ModelCIF file with pLDDT and N, C-alpha, C, O atoms, coordinates in Angstrom:
data_MODEL
#
_entry.id   MODEL 
#
_entity.id                         1 
_entity.type                       polymer 
_entity.pdbx_number_of_molecules   1 
#
_entity_poly.entity_id                      1 
_entity_poly.type                           'polypeptide(L)' 
_entity_poly.nstd_linkage                   no 
_entity_poly.nstd_monomer                   no 
_entity_poly.pdbx_seq_one_letter_code       GDVITPGDYDGDGTSDIAVFRPADGDWYVLKSSDTTITGVNWGLA 
_entity_poly.pdbx_seq_one_letter_code_can   GDVITPGDYDGDGTSDIAVFRPADGDWYVLKSSDTTITGVNWGLA 
_entity_poly.pdbx_strand_id                 A 
#
loop_
_entity_poly_seq.entity_id 
_entity_poly_seq.num 
_entity_poly_seq.mon_id 
_entity_poly_seq.hetero 
1 1  GLY n 
1 2  ASP n 
1 3  VAL n 
1 4  ILE n 
1 5  THR n 
1 6  PRO n 
1 7  GLY n 
1 8  ASP n 
1 9  TYR n 
1 10 ASP n 
1 11 GLY n 
1 12 ASP n 
1 13 GLY n 
1 14 THR n 
1 15 SER n 
1 16 ASP n 
1 17 ILE n 
1 18 ALA n 
1 19 VAL n 
1 20 PHE n 
1 21 ARG n 
1 22 PRO n 
1 23 ALA n 
1 24 ASP n 
1 25 GLY n 
1 26 ASP n 
1 27 TRP n 
1 28 TYR n 
1 29 VAL n 
1 30 LEU n 
1 31 LYS n 
1 32 SER n 
1 33 SER n 
1 34 ASP n 
1 35 THR n 
1 36 THR n 
1 37 ILE n 
1 38 THR n 
1 39 GLY n 
1 40 VAL n 
1 41 ASN n 
1 42 TRP n 
1 43 GLY n 
1 44 LEU n 
1 45 ALA n 
#
_struct_asym.id          A 
_struct_asym.entity_id   1 
#
loop_
_ma_qa_metric.id 
_ma_qa_metric.mode 
_ma_qa_metric.name 
_ma_qa_metric.software_group_id 
_ma_qa_metric.type 
1 global pLDDT . pLDDT 
2 local  pLDDT . pLDDT 
#
_ma_qa_metric_global.metric_id      1 
_ma_qa_metric_global.metric_value   86.64 
_ma_qa_metric_global.model_id       1 
_ma_qa_metric_global.ordinal_id     1 
#
loop_
_ma_qa_metric_local.label_asym_id 
_ma_qa_metric_local.label_comp_id 
_ma_qa_metric_local.label_seq_id 
_ma_qa_metric_local.metric_id 
_ma_qa_metric_local.metric_value 
_ma_qa_metric_local.model_id 
_ma_qa_metric_local.ordinal_id 
A GLY 1  2 91.00 1 1  
A ASP 2  2 92.00 1 2  
A VAL 3  2 90.00 1 3  
A ILE 4  2 89.00 1 4  
A THR 5  2 89.00 1 5  
A PRO 6  2 88.00 1 6  
A GLY 7  2 86.00 1 7  
A ASP 8  2 86.00 1 8  
A TYR 9  2 86.00 1 9  
A ASP 10 2 86.00 1 10 
A GLY 11 2 86.00 1 11 
A ASP 12 2 86.00 1 12 
A GLY 13 2 85.00 1 13 
A THR 14 2 82.00 1 14 
A SER 15 2 83.00 1 15 
A ASP 16 2 87.00 1 16 
A ILE 17 2 88.00 1 17 
A ALA 18 2 91.00 1 18 
A VAL 19 2 93.00 1 19 
A PHE 20 2 91.00 1 20 
A ARG 21 2 90.00 1 21 
A PRO 22 2 88.00 1 22 
A ALA 23 2 88.00 1 23 
A ASP 24 2 87.00 1 24 
A GLY 25 2 88.00 1 25 
A ASP 26 2 90.00 1 26 
A TRP 27 2 91.00 1 27 
A TYR 28 2 93.00 1 28 
A VAL 29 2 92.00 1 29 
A LEU 30 2 89.00 1 30 
A LYS 31 2 87.00 1 31 
A SER 32 2 80.00 1 32 
A SER 33 2 81.00 1 33 
A ASP 34 2 81.00 1 34 
A THR 35 2 74.00 1 35 
A THR 36 2 79.00 1 36 
A ILE 37 2 87.00 1 37 
A THR 38 2 86.00 1 38 
A GLY 39 2 89.00 1 39 
A VAL 40 2 88.00 1 40 
A ASN 41 2 88.00 1 41 
A TRP 42 2 85.00 1 42 
A GLY 43 2 82.00 1 43 
A LEU 44 2 82.00 1 44 
A ALA 45 2 79.00 1 45 
#
loop_
_atom_site.group_PDB 
_atom_site.id 
_atom_site.type_symbol 
_atom_site.label_atom_id 
_atom_site.label_alt_id 
_atom_site.label_comp_id 
_atom_site.label_asym_id 
_atom_site.label_entity_id 
_atom_site.label_seq_id 
_atom_site.pdbx_PDB_ins_code 
_atom_site.Cartn_x 
_atom_site.Cartn_y 
_atom_site.Cartn_z 
_atom_site.occupancy 
_atom_site.B_iso_or_equiv 
_atom_site.pdbx_formal_charge 
_atom_site.auth_seq_id 
_atom_site.auth_comp_id 
_atom_site.auth_asym_id 
_atom_site.auth_atom_id 
_atom_site.pdbx_PDB_model_num 
ATOM 1   N N  . GLY A 1 1  ? 101.784 115.925 124.063 1.00 91.00 ? 1  GLY A N  1 
ATOM 2   C CA . GLY A 1 1  ? 101.163 114.864 124.830 1.00 91.00 ? 1  GLY A CA 1 
ATOM 3   C C  . GLY A 1 1  ? 99.724  114.782 124.805 1.00 91.00 ? 1  GLY A C  1 
ATOM 4   O O  . GLY A 1 1  ? 99.156  113.766 125.205 1.00 91.00 ? 1  GLY A O  1 
ATOM 5   N N  . ASP A 1 2  ? 99.078  115.804 124.352 1.00 92.00 ? 2  ASP A N  1 
ATOM 6   C CA . ASP A 1 2  ? 97.587  115.844 124.294 1.00 92.00 ? 2  ASP A CA 1 
ATOM 7   C C  . ASP A 1 2  ? 97.037  114.800 123.223 1.00 92.00 ? 2  ASP A C  1 
ATOM 8   O O  . ASP A 1 2  ? 97.765  114.550 122.263 1.00 92.00 ? 2  ASP A O  1 
ATOM 9   N N  . VAL A 1 3  ? 95.880  114.218 123.322 1.00 90.00 ? 3  VAL A N  1 
ATOM 10  C CA . VAL A 1 3  ? 95.286  113.354 122.478 1.00 90.00 ? 3  VAL A CA 1 
ATOM 11  C C  . VAL A 1 3  ? 94.163  114.077 121.678 1.00 90.00 ? 3  VAL A C  1 
ATOM 12  O O  . VAL A 1 3  ? 93.201  114.583 122.257 1.00 90.00 ? 3  VAL A O  1 
ATOM 13  N N  . ILE A 1 4  ? 94.303  114.105 120.459 1.00 89.00 ? 4  ILE A N  1 
ATOM 14  C CA . ILE A 1 4  ? 93.268  114.666 119.529 1.00 89.00 ? 4  ILE A CA 1 
ATOM 15  C C  . ILE A 1 4  ? 91.942  113.928 119.696 1.00 89.00 ? 4  ILE A C  1 
ATOM 16  O O  . ILE A 1 4  ? 91.904  112.708 119.541 1.00 89.00 ? 4  ILE A O  1 
ATOM 17  N N  . THR A 1 5  ? 90.821  114.655 120.016 1.00 89.00 ? 5  THR A N  1 
ATOM 18  C CA . THR A 1 5  ? 89.605  114.050 120.291 1.00 89.00 ? 5  THR A CA 1 
ATOM 19  C C  . THR A 1 5  ? 88.460  114.795 119.697 1.00 89.00 ? 5  THR A C  1 
ATOM 20  O O  . THR A 1 5  ? 87.528  115.160 120.414 1.00 89.00 ? 5  THR A O  1 
ATOM 21  N N  . PRO A 1 6  ? 88.494  115.062 118.282 1.00 88.00 ? 6  PRO A N  1 
ATOM 22  C CA . PRO A 1 6  ? 87.335  115.799 117.645 1.00 88.00 ? 6  PRO A CA 1 
ATOM 23  C C  . PRO A 1 6  ? 85.995  115.166 117.945 1.00 88.00 ? 6  PRO A C  1 
ATOM 24  O O  . PRO A 1 6  ? 85.936  113.965 118.209 1.00 88.00 ? 6  PRO A O  1 
ATOM 25  N N  . GLY A 1 7  ? 84.919  115.930 117.913 1.00 86.00 ? 7  GLY A N  1 
ATOM 26  C CA . GLY A 1 7  ? 83.556  115.577 118.026 1.00 86.00 ? 7  GLY A CA 1 
ATOM 27  C C  . GLY A 1 7  ? 82.621  116.626 118.104 1.00 86.00 ? 7  GLY A C  1 
ATOM 28  O O  . GLY A 1 7  ? 83.018  117.776 118.295 1.00 86.00 ? 7  GLY A O  1 
ATOM 29  N N  . ASP A 1 8  ? 81.295  116.338 117.965 1.00 86.00 ? 8  ASP A N  1 
ATOM 30  C CA . ASP A 1 8  ? 80.238  117.395 117.999 1.00 86.00 ? 8  ASP A CA 1 
ATOM 31  C C  . ASP A 1 8  ? 79.889  117.705 119.485 1.00 86.00 ? 8  ASP A C  1 
ATOM 32  O O  . ASP A 1 8  ? 78.821  117.330 119.969 1.00 86.00 ? 8  ASP A O  1 
ATOM 33  N N  . TYR A 1 9  ? 80.872  118.438 120.232 1.00 86.00 ? 9  TYR A N  1 
ATOM 34  C CA . TYR A 1 9  ? 80.475  118.729 121.667 1.00 86.00 ? 9  TYR A CA 1 
ATOM 35  C C  . TYR A 1 9  ? 79.452  119.692 121.988 1.00 86.00 ? 9  TYR A C  1 
ATOM 36  O O  . TYR A 1 9  ? 78.913  119.748 123.094 1.00 86.00 ? 9  TYR A O  1 
ATOM 37  N N  . ASP A 1 10 ? 79.158  120.537 120.903 1.00 86.00 ? 10 ASP A N  1 
ATOM 38  C CA . ASP A 1 10 ? 78.162  121.561 121.235 1.00 86.00 ? 10 ASP A CA 1 
ATOM 39  C C  . ASP A 1 10 ? 76.857  121.374 120.552 1.00 86.00 ? 10 ASP A C  1 
ATOM 40  O O  . ASP A 1 10 ? 75.953  122.203 120.645 1.00 86.00 ? 10 ASP A O  1 
ATOM 41  N N  . GLY A 1 11 ? 76.764  120.230 119.836 1.00 86.00 ? 11 GLY A N  1 
ATOM 42  C CA . GLY A 1 11 ? 75.430  119.877 119.364 1.00 86.00 ? 11 GLY A CA 1 
ATOM 43  C C  . GLY A 1 11 ? 75.020  120.518 118.045 1.00 86.00 ? 11 GLY A C  1 
ATOM 44  O O  . GLY A 1 11 ? 73.890  120.309 117.604 1.00 86.00 ? 11 GLY A O  1 
ATOM 45  N N  . ASP A 1 12 ? 75.883  121.282 117.403 1.00 86.00 ? 12 ASP A N  1 
ATOM 46  C CA . ASP A 1 12 ? 75.418  122.021 116.164 1.00 86.00 ? 12 ASP A CA 1 
ATOM 47  C C  . ASP A 1 12 ? 75.713  121.210 114.895 1.00 86.00 ? 12 ASP A C  1 
ATOM 48  O O  . ASP A 1 12 ? 75.583  121.789 113.816 1.00 86.00 ? 12 ASP A O  1 
ATOM 49  N N  . GLY A 1 13 ? 76.099  119.916 114.921 1.00 85.00 ? 13 GLY A N  1 
ATOM 50  C CA . GLY A 1 13 ? 76.157  119.122 113.701 1.00 85.00 ? 13 GLY A CA 1 
ATOM 51  C C  . GLY A 1 13 ? 77.583  119.101 113.034 1.00 85.00 ? 13 GLY A C  1 
ATOM 52  O O  . GLY A 1 13 ? 77.825  118.350 112.089 1.00 85.00 ? 13 GLY A O  1 
ATOM 53  N N  . THR A 1 14 ? 78.465  119.912 113.538 1.00 82.00 ? 14 THR A N  1 
ATOM 54  C CA . THR A 1 14 ? 79.835  120.133 113.089 1.00 82.00 ? 14 THR A CA 1 
ATOM 55  C C  . THR A 1 14 ? 80.781  119.676 114.126 1.00 82.00 ? 14 THR A C  1 
ATOM 56  O O  . THR A 1 14 ? 80.572  119.933 115.312 1.00 82.00 ? 14 THR A O  1 
ATOM 57  N N  . SER A 1 15 ? 81.903  118.952 113.696 1.00 83.00 ? 15 SER A N  1 
ATOM 58  C CA . SER A 1 15 ? 82.967  118.586 114.679 1.00 83.00 ? 15 SER A CA 1 
ATOM 59  C C  . SER A 1 15 ? 83.498  119.821 115.250 1.00 83.00 ? 15 SER A C  1 
ATOM 60  O O  . SER A 1 15 ? 83.522  120.877 114.618 1.00 83.00 ? 15 SER A O  1 
ATOM 61  N N  . ASP A 1 16 ? 83.953  119.679 116.525 1.00 87.00 ? 16 ASP A N  1 
ATOM 62  C CA . ASP A 1 16 ? 84.662  120.677 117.259 1.00 87.00 ? 16 ASP A CA 1 
ATOM 63  C C  . ASP A 1 16 ? 86.112  120.156 117.461 1.00 87.00 ? 16 ASP A C  1 
ATOM 64  O O  . ASP A 1 16 ? 86.422  118.965 117.479 1.00 87.00 ? 16 ASP A O  1 
ATOM 65  N N  . ILE A 1 17 ? 86.957  121.204 117.611 1.00 88.00 ? 17 ILE A N  1 
ATOM 66  C CA . ILE A 1 17 ? 88.382  120.823 117.767 1.00 88.00 ? 17 ILE A CA 1 
ATOM 67  C C  . ILE A 1 17 ? 88.548  120.593 119.291 1.00 88.00 ? 17 ILE A C  1 
ATOM 68  O O  . ILE A 1 17 ? 88.207  121.446 120.110 1.00 88.00 ? 17 ILE A O  1 
ATOM 69  N N  . ALA A 1 18 ? 89.076  119.425 119.623 1.00 91.00 ? 18 ALA A N  1 
ATOM 70  C CA . ALA A 1 18 ? 89.174  119.084 121.088 1.00 91.00 ? 18 ALA A CA 1 
ATOM 71  C C  . ALA A 1 18 ? 90.392  118.179 121.270 1.00 91.00 ? 18 ALA A C  1 
ATOM 72  O O  . ALA A 1 18 ? 90.843  117.435 120.399 1.00 91.00 ? 18 ALA A O  1 
ATOM 73  N N  . VAL A 1 19 ? 90.870  118.333 122.508 1.00 93.00 ? 19 VAL A N  1 
ATOM 74  C CA . VAL A 1 19 ? 92.000  117.447 122.993 1.00 93.00 ? 19 VAL A CA 1 
ATOM 75  C C  . VAL A 1 19 ? 91.767  117.003 124.429 1.00 93.00 ? 19 VAL A C  1 
ATOM 76  O O  . VAL A 1 19 ? 91.138  117.669 125.251 1.00 93.00 ? 19 VAL A O  1 
ATOM 77  N N  . PHE A 1 20 ? 92.337  115.804 124.663 1.00 91.00 ? 20 PHE A N  1 
ATOM 78  C CA . PHE A 1 20 ? 92.349  115.217 126.117 1.00 91.00 ? 20 PHE A CA 1 
ATOM 79  C C  . PHE A 1 20 ? 93.749  115.303 126.565 1.00 91.00 ? 20 PHE A C  1 
ATOM 80  O O  . PHE A 1 20 ? 94.657  114.931 125.822 1.00 91.00 ? 20 PHE A O  1 
ATOM 81  N N  . ARG A 1 21 ? 93.972  115.772 127.735 1.00 90.00 ? 21 ARG A N  1 
ATOM 82  C CA . ARG A 1 21 ? 95.326  115.801 128.284 1.00 90.00 ? 21 ARG A CA 1 
ATOM 83  C C  . ARG A 1 21 ? 95.430  114.722 129.332 1.00 90.00 ? 21 ARG A C  1 
ATOM 84  O O  . ARG A 1 21 ? 95.033  114.883 130.486 1.00 90.00 ? 21 ARG A O  1 
ATOM 85  N N  . PRO A 1 22 ? 96.009  113.555 128.855 1.00 88.00 ? 22 PRO A N  1 
ATOM 86  C CA . PRO A 1 22 ? 96.080  112.294 129.824 1.00 88.00 ? 22 PRO A CA 1 
ATOM 87  C C  . PRO A 1 22 ? 96.855  112.729 131.165 1.00 88.00 ? 22 PRO A C  1 
ATOM 88  O O  . PRO A 1 22 ? 96.511  112.251 132.246 1.00 88.00 ? 22 PRO A O  1 
ATOM 89  N N  . ALA A 1 23 ? 97.798  113.554 131.074 1.00 88.00 ? 23 ALA A N  1 
ATOM 90  C CA . ALA A 1 23 ? 98.730  113.878 132.243 1.00 88.00 ? 23 ALA A CA 1 
ATOM 91  C C  . ALA A 1 23 ? 97.692  114.381 133.515 1.00 88.00 ? 23 ALA A C  1 
ATOM 92  O O  . ALA A 1 23 ? 97.997  114.192 134.693 1.00 88.00 ? 23 ALA A O  1 
ATOM 93  N N  . ASP A 1 24 ? 96.604  114.952 133.153 1.00 87.00 ? 24 ASP A N  1 
ATOM 94  C CA . ASP A 1 24 ? 95.828  115.450 134.344 1.00 87.00 ? 24 ASP A CA 1 
ATOM 95  C C  . ASP A 1 24 ? 94.339  115.228 134.140 1.00 87.00 ? 24 ASP A C  1 
ATOM 96  O O  . ASP A 1 24 ? 93.569  115.757 134.941 1.00 87.00 ? 24 ASP A O  1 
ATOM 97  N N  . GLY A 1 25 ? 93.857  114.482 133.126 1.00 88.00 ? 25 GLY A N  1 
ATOM 98  C CA . GLY A 1 25 ? 92.509  114.163 132.985 1.00 88.00 ? 25 GLY A CA 1 
ATOM 99  C C  . GLY A 1 25 ? 91.599  115.369 132.454 1.00 88.00 ? 25 GLY A C  1 
ATOM 100 O O  . GLY A 1 25 ? 90.384  115.387 132.651 1.00 88.00 ? 25 GLY A O  1 
ATOM 101 N N  . ASP A 1 26 ? 92.238  116.306 131.814 1.00 90.00 ? 26 ASP A N  1 
ATOM 102 C CA . ASP A 1 26 ? 91.460  117.538 131.421 1.00 90.00 ? 26 ASP A CA 1 
ATOM 103 C C  . ASP A 1 26 ? 91.116  117.476 129.911 1.00 90.00 ? 26 ASP A C  1 
ATOM 104 O O  . ASP A 1 26 ? 91.923  117.018 129.102 1.00 90.00 ? 26 ASP A O  1 
ATOM 105 N N  . TRP A 1 27 ? 89.893  117.951 129.550 1.00 91.00 ? 27 TRP A N  1 
ATOM 106 C CA . TRP A 1 27 ? 89.462  118.061 128.193 1.00 91.00 ? 27 TRP A CA 1 
ATOM 107 C C  . TRP A 1 27 ? 89.402  119.470 127.826 1.00 91.00 ? 27 TRP A C  1 
ATOM 108 O O  . TRP A 1 27 ? 88.945  120.279 128.634 1.00 91.00 ? 27 TRP A O  1 
ATOM 109 N N  . TYR A 1 28 ? 89.847  119.860 126.610 1.00 93.00 ? 28 TYR A N  1 
ATOM 110 C CA . TYR A 1 28 ? 89.733  121.201 126.126 1.00 93.00 ? 28 TYR A CA 1 
ATOM 111 C C  . TYR A 1 28 ? 88.951  121.175 124.819 1.00 93.00 ? 28 TYR A C  1 
ATOM 112 O O  . TYR A 1 28 ? 89.306  120.397 123.934 1.00 93.00 ? 28 TYR A O  1 
ATOM 113 N N  . VAL A 1 29 ? 87.937  121.959 124.653 1.00 92.00 ? 29 VAL A N  1 
ATOM 114 C CA . VAL A 1 29 ? 87.111  122.002 123.410 1.00 92.00 ? 29 VAL A CA 1 
ATOM 115 C C  . VAL A 1 29 ? 87.063  123.418 122.832 1.00 92.00 ? 29 VAL A C  1 
ATOM 116 O O  . VAL A 1 29 ? 86.724  124.396 123.498 1.00 92.00 ? 29 VAL A O  1 
ATOM 117 N N  . LEU A 1 30 ? 87.419  123.460 121.565 1.00 89.00 ? 30 LEU A N  1 
ATOM 118 C CA . LEU A 1 30 ? 87.155  124.795 120.834 1.00 89.00 ? 30 LEU A CA 1 
ATOM 119 C C  . LEU A 1 30 ? 85.780  124.615 119.958 1.00 89.00 ? 30 LEU A C  1 
ATOM 120 O O  . LEU A 1 30 ? 85.723  123.912 118.950 1.00 89.00 ? 30 LEU A O  1 
ATOM 121 N N  . LYS A 1 31 ? 84.829  125.261 120.429 1.00 87.00 ? 31 LYS A N  1 
ATOM 122 C CA . LYS A 1 31 ? 83.474  125.057 119.916 1.00 87.00 ? 31 LYS A CA 1 
ATOM 123 C C  . LYS A 1 31 ? 83.388  125.624 118.461 1.00 87.00 ? 31 LYS A C  1 
ATOM 124 O O  . LYS A 1 31 ? 83.841  126.750 118.256 1.00 87.00 ? 31 LYS A O  1 
ATOM 125 N N  . SER A 1 32 ? 82.865  124.946 117.498 1.00 80.00 ? 32 SER A N  1 
ATOM 126 C CA . SER A 1 32 ? 82.709  125.486 116.125 1.00 80.00 ? 32 SER A CA 1 
ATOM 127 C C  . SER A 1 32 ? 81.628  126.458 116.062 1.00 80.00 ? 32 SER A C  1 
ATOM 128 O O  . SER A 1 32 ? 81.632  127.233 115.105 1.00 80.00 ? 32 SER A O  1 
ATOM 129 N N  . SER A 1 33 ? 80.659  126.541 116.972 1.00 81.00 ? 33 SER A N  1 
ATOM 130 C CA . SER A 1 33 ? 79.489  127.471 116.910 1.00 81.00 ? 33 SER A CA 1 
ATOM 131 C C  . SER A 1 33 ? 79.856  128.854 117.318 1.00 81.00 ? 33 SER A C  1 
ATOM 132 O O  . SER A 1 33 ? 79.369  129.810 116.714 1.00 81.00 ? 33 SER A O  1 
ATOM 133 N N  . ASP A 1 34 ? 80.738  129.030 118.370 1.00 81.00 ? 34 ASP A N  1 
ATOM 134 C CA . ASP A 1 34 ? 81.071  130.344 118.725 1.00 81.00 ? 34 ASP A CA 1 
ATOM 135 C C  . ASP A 1 34 ? 82.472  130.625 119.027 1.00 81.00 ? 34 ASP A C  1 
ATOM 136 O O  . ASP A 1 34 ? 82.842  131.723 119.441 1.00 81.00 ? 34 ASP A O  1 
ATOM 137 N N  . THR A 1 35 ? 83.321  129.546 118.801 1.00 74.00 ? 35 THR A N  1 
ATOM 138 C CA . THR A 1 35 ? 84.809  129.662 118.970 1.00 74.00 ? 35 THR A CA 1 
ATOM 139 C C  . THR A 1 35 ? 85.242  129.929 120.378 1.00 74.00 ? 35 THR A C  1 
ATOM 140 O O  . THR A 1 35 ? 86.341  130.456 120.552 1.00 74.00 ? 35 THR A O  1 
ATOM 141 N N  . THR A 1 36 ? 84.450  129.604 121.451 1.00 79.00 ? 36 THR A N  1 
ATOM 142 C CA . THR A 1 36 ? 84.773  129.631 122.748 1.00 79.00 ? 36 THR A CA 1 
ATOM 143 C C  . THR A 1 36 ? 85.574  128.383 123.112 1.00 79.00 ? 36 THR A C  1 
ATOM 144 O O  . THR A 1 36 ? 85.383  127.322 122.516 1.00 79.00 ? 36 THR A O  1 
ATOM 145 N N  . ILE A 1 37 ? 86.460  128.509 124.080 1.00 87.00 ? 37 ILE A N  1 
ATOM 146 C CA . ILE A 1 37 ? 87.232  127.353 124.563 1.00 87.00 ? 37 ILE A CA 1 
ATOM 147 C C  . ILE A 1 37 ? 86.714  126.929 125.895 1.00 87.00 ? 37 ILE A C  1 
ATOM 148 O O  . ILE A 1 37 ? 86.637  127.756 126.803 1.00 87.00 ? 37 ILE A O  1 
ATOM 149 N N  . THR A 1 38 ? 86.348  125.665 126.067 1.00 86.00 ? 38 THR A N  1 
ATOM 150 C CA . THR A 1 38 ? 85.887  125.030 127.352 1.00 86.00 ? 38 THR A CA 1 
ATOM 151 C C  . THR A 1 38 ? 86.839  124.103 127.769 1.00 86.00 ? 38 THR A C  1 
ATOM 152 O O  . THR A 1 38 ? 87.339  123.326 126.956 1.00 86.00 ? 38 THR A O  1 
ATOM 153 N N  . GLY A 1 39 ? 87.180  124.099 129.085 1.00 89.00 ? 39 GLY A N  1 
ATOM 154 C CA . GLY A 1 39 ? 88.067  123.152 129.751 1.00 89.00 ? 39 GLY A CA 1 
ATOM 155 C C  . GLY A 1 39 ? 87.290  122.458 130.837 1.00 89.00 ? 39 GLY A C  1 
ATOM 156 O O  . GLY A 1 39 ? 86.634  123.126 131.635 1.00 89.00 ? 39 GLY A O  1 
ATOM 157 N N  . VAL A 1 40 ? 87.336  121.152 130.900 1.00 88.00 ? 40 VAL A N  1 
ATOM 158 C CA . VAL A 1 40 ? 86.674  120.372 131.898 1.00 88.00 ? 40 VAL A CA 1 
ATOM 159 C C  . VAL A 1 40 ? 87.600  119.336 132.427 1.00 88.00 ? 40 VAL A C  1 
ATOM 160 O O  . VAL A 1 40 ? 88.299  118.699 131.639 1.00 88.00 ? 40 VAL A O  1 
ATOM 161 N N  . ASN A 1 41 ? 87.654  119.126 133.711 1.00 88.00 ? 41 ASN A N  1 
ATOM 162 C CA . ASN A 1 41 ? 88.370  117.933 134.337 1.00 88.00 ? 41 ASN A CA 1 
ATOM 163 C C  . ASN A 1 41 ? 87.415  116.878 134.466 1.00 88.00 ? 41 ASN A C  1 
ATOM 164 O O  . ASN A 1 41 ? 86.459  116.917 135.241 1.00 88.00 ? 41 ASN A O  1 
ATOM 165 N N  . TRP A 1 42 ? 87.713  115.849 133.626 1.00 85.00 ? 42 TRP A N  1 
ATOM 166 C CA . TRP A 1 42 ? 86.847  114.668 133.665 1.00 85.00 ? 42 TRP A CA 1 
ATOM 167 C C  . TRP A 1 42 ? 87.688  113.496 133.265 1.00 85.00 ? 42 TRP A C  1 
ATOM 168 O O  . TRP A 1 42 ? 87.892  113.170 132.095 1.00 85.00 ? 42 TRP A O  1 
ATOM 169 N N  . GLY A 1 43 ? 88.158  112.891 134.316 1.00 82.00 ? 43 GLY A N  1 
ATOM 170 C CA . GLY A 1 43 ? 89.092  111.781 134.094 1.00 82.00 ? 43 GLY A CA 1 
ATOM 171 C C  . GLY A 1 43 ? 90.312  111.878 135.230 1.00 82.00 ? 43 GLY A C  1 
ATOM 172 O O  . GLY A 1 43 ? 90.437  112.842 135.985 1.00 82.00 ? 43 GLY A O  1 
ATOM 173 N N  . LEU A 1 44 ? 91.055  110.891 135.223 1.00 82.00 ? 44 LEU A N  1 
ATOM 174 C CA . LEU A 1 44 ? 92.228  110.770 136.111 1.00 82.00 ? 44 LEU A CA 1 
ATOM 175 C C  . LEU A 1 44 ? 93.480  110.777 135.231 1.00 82.00 ? 44 LEU A C  1 
ATOM 176 O O  . LEU A 1 44 ? 93.417  110.465 134.042 1.00 82.00 ? 44 LEU A O  1 
ATOM 177 N N  . ALA A 1 45 ? 94.614  111.136 135.830 1.00 79.00 ? 45 ALA A N  1 
ATOM 178 C CA . ALA A 1 45 ? 95.935  110.972 135.178 1.00 79.00 ? 45 ALA A CA 1 
ATOM 179 C C  . ALA A 1 45 ? 96.047  109.598 134.672 1.00 79.00 ? 45 ALA A C  1 
ATOM 180 O O  . ALA A 1 45 ? 97.069  109.236 134.089 1.00 79.00 ? 45 ALA A O  1 
#
């Protein structure tokens, strides 16, 4: 159910692996620069 949303979220010039979860408005990003996972609630179901 997640929507694939790659982009350069950490500003290092390389696309990061990311998904948007429409069920709850959460974004999850796996940064290419240091492989940490960031989760942010930004949106509505």
